[in-house]
Amino acid sequence: MTAANRGQRMLTLSVDDLRRMIEPDERRPGPARARLIVEQIPVWAIVGYAGALAGTTESASMTDEVITRVAVAYAIRREAVQAALLYYGEHRRAIDALLEANVAALA
């Protein structure tokens, strides 16, 4: 299986599923601050951890193994991780900017 196929296999949630699982954070506006509704975990945190595991945030690198490891680490459903990654795909620039700002703040 190619990396592109693994990335496509991960995209199992519809846009409607995504909208039901992600919401803006009313206290922290902007697309970079969205969070999983049920779990109350920021999307950027899921994406940052997945990227650290995969070595990149490119969708083709988000294998079933990476998704499972993130789900286990955060004690959430795999579908929640998939929703966060799908949202990231639509708001990549804003979330990447927040992740970069977080790294810079630690330096």
Protein backbone atom coordinates (compact mmCIF):
# COMPACT_ATOMS: atom_id res chain seq x y z
CA MET A 1 0.00 0.00 0.00
CA THR A 2 1.35 3.40 -0.94
CA ALA A 3 1.49 6.37 1.40
CA ALA A 4 -1.22 8.06 -0.67
CA ASN A 5 -3.52 5.07 -0.19
CA ARG A 6 -2.92 5.09 3.57
CA GLY A 7 -3.83 8.77 3.65
CA GLN A 8 -7.01 8.14 1.67
CA ARG A 9 -7.98 5.23 3.90
CA MET A 10 -7.76 7.51 6.93
CA LEU A 11 -10.31 9.92 5.48
CA THR A 12 -13.38 7.92 6.48
CA LEU A 13 -15.43 10.70 8.05
CA SER A 14 -17.74 12.81 5.96
CA VAL A 15 -17.83 16.58 6.12
CA ASP A 16 -21.05 16.24 8.12
CA ASP A 17 -19.29 13.96 10.61
CA LEU A 18 -16.52 16.52 10.92
CA ARG A 19 -18.94 19.33 11.65
CA ARG A 20 -20.65 17.29 14.34
CA MET A 21 -17.41 16.50 16.16
CA ILE A 22 -15.59 19.85 16.02
CA GLU A 23 -16.63 23.24 17.36
CA PRO A 24 -15.03 26.64 17.79
CA ASP A 25 -13.77 27.52 21.24
CA GLU A 26 -15.95 30.43 22.33
CA ARG A 27 -13.24 31.73 24.67
CA ARG A 28 -10.47 31.49 22.06
CA PRO A 29 -11.82 32.50 18.65
CA GLY A 30 -10.35 31.49 15.33
CA PRO A 31 -9.99 28.29 13.33
CA ALA A 32 -6.72 27.35 15.05
CA ARG A 33 -8.52 27.05 18.39
CA ALA A 34 -11.30 24.62 17.40
CA ARG A 35 -11.79 21.60 19.61
CA LEU A 36 -13.40 18.21 19.73
CA ILE A 37 -16.87 18.71 21.18
CA VAL A 38 -17.21 15.59 23.33
CA GLU A 39 -13.60 15.29 24.38
CA GLN A 40 -12.94 19.05 24.78
CA ILE A 41 -9.45 18.61 23.35
CA PRO A 42 -8.05 21.28 21.00
CA VAL A 43 -7.52 20.13 17.43
CA TRP A 44 -4.04 21.66 17.43
CA ALA A 45 -3.00 19.38 20.31
CA ILE A 46 -4.11 16.26 18.43
CA VAL A 47 -2.41 17.44 15.24
CA GLY A 48 0.80 18.36 17.03
CA TYR A 49 1.05 14.99 18.72
CA ALA A 50 0.20 13.09 15.53
CA GLY A 51 2.81 15.10 13.65
CA ALA A 52 5.42 14.33 16.29
CA LEU A 53 4.67 10.61 16.00
CA ALA A 54 4.63 10.61 12.19
CA GLY A 55 7.51 13.04 11.74
CA THR A 56 5.27 15.30 9.63
CA THR A 57 1.68 16.50 9.51
CA GLU A 58 1.21 15.49 5.86
CA SER A 59 -2.01 13.48 5.50
CA ALA A 60 -0.24 10.58 3.78
CA SER A 61 1.81 10.08 6.96
CA MET A 62 -1.26 9.74 9.17
CA THR A 63 -1.39 5.96 9.04
CA ASP A 64 -3.75 3.72 10.96
CA GLU A 65 -0.92 3.12 13.43
CA VAL A 66 -0.42 6.85 14.07
CA ILE A 67 -4.17 7.41 14.47
CA THR A 68 -4.41 4.51 16.92
CA ARG A 69 -1.41 5.70 18.94
CA VAL A 70 -2.88 9.21 19.22
CA ALA A 71 -6.27 7.78 20.24
CA VAL A 72 -4.66 5.65 22.94
CA ALA A 73 -2.48 8.49 24.22
CA TYR A 74 -5.47 10.83 24.55
CA ALA A 75 -7.92 8.07 25.58
CA ILE A 76 -10.31 9.04 22.78
CA ARG A 77 -11.94 7.27 19.85
CA ARG A 78 -10.05 6.86 16.59
CA GLU A 79 -12.91 8.73 14.89
CA ALA A 80 -12.18 11.77 17.05
CA VAL A 81 -8.57 11.73 15.87
CA GLN A 82 -9.76 11.39 12.27
CA ALA A 83 -12.13 14.34 12.75
CA ALA A 84 -9.29 16.48 14.11
CA LEU A 85 -7.05 15.54 11.18
CA LEU A 86 -9.79 16.27 8.67
CA TYR A 87 -10.40 19.67 10.27
CA TYR A 88 -6.67 20.31 10.14
CA GLY A 89 -6.71 19.62 6.43
CA GLU A 90 -9.20 22.45 5.98
CA HIS A 91 -7.46 24.90 8.36
CA ARG A 92 -3.84 23.91 7.97
CA ARG A 93 -2.30 27.41 7.82
CA ALA A 94 -3.98 28.67 10.98
CA ILE A 95 -3.14 25.54 12.98
CA ASP A 96 0.43 25.40 11.66
CA ALA A 97 0.91 29.03 12.73
CA LEU A 98 -0.31 28.20 16.25
CA LEU A 99 1.93 25.12 16.45
CA GLU A 100 4.92 27.19 15.31
CA ALA A 101 4.13 29.88 17.88
CA ASN A 102 3.99 27.22 20.60
CA VAL A 103 7.42 25.89 19.56
CA ALA A 104 8.85 29.42 19.49
CA ALA A 105 7.51 30.11 22.98
CA LEU A 106 9.41 27.09 24.30
CA ALA A 107 12.68 28.16 22.71
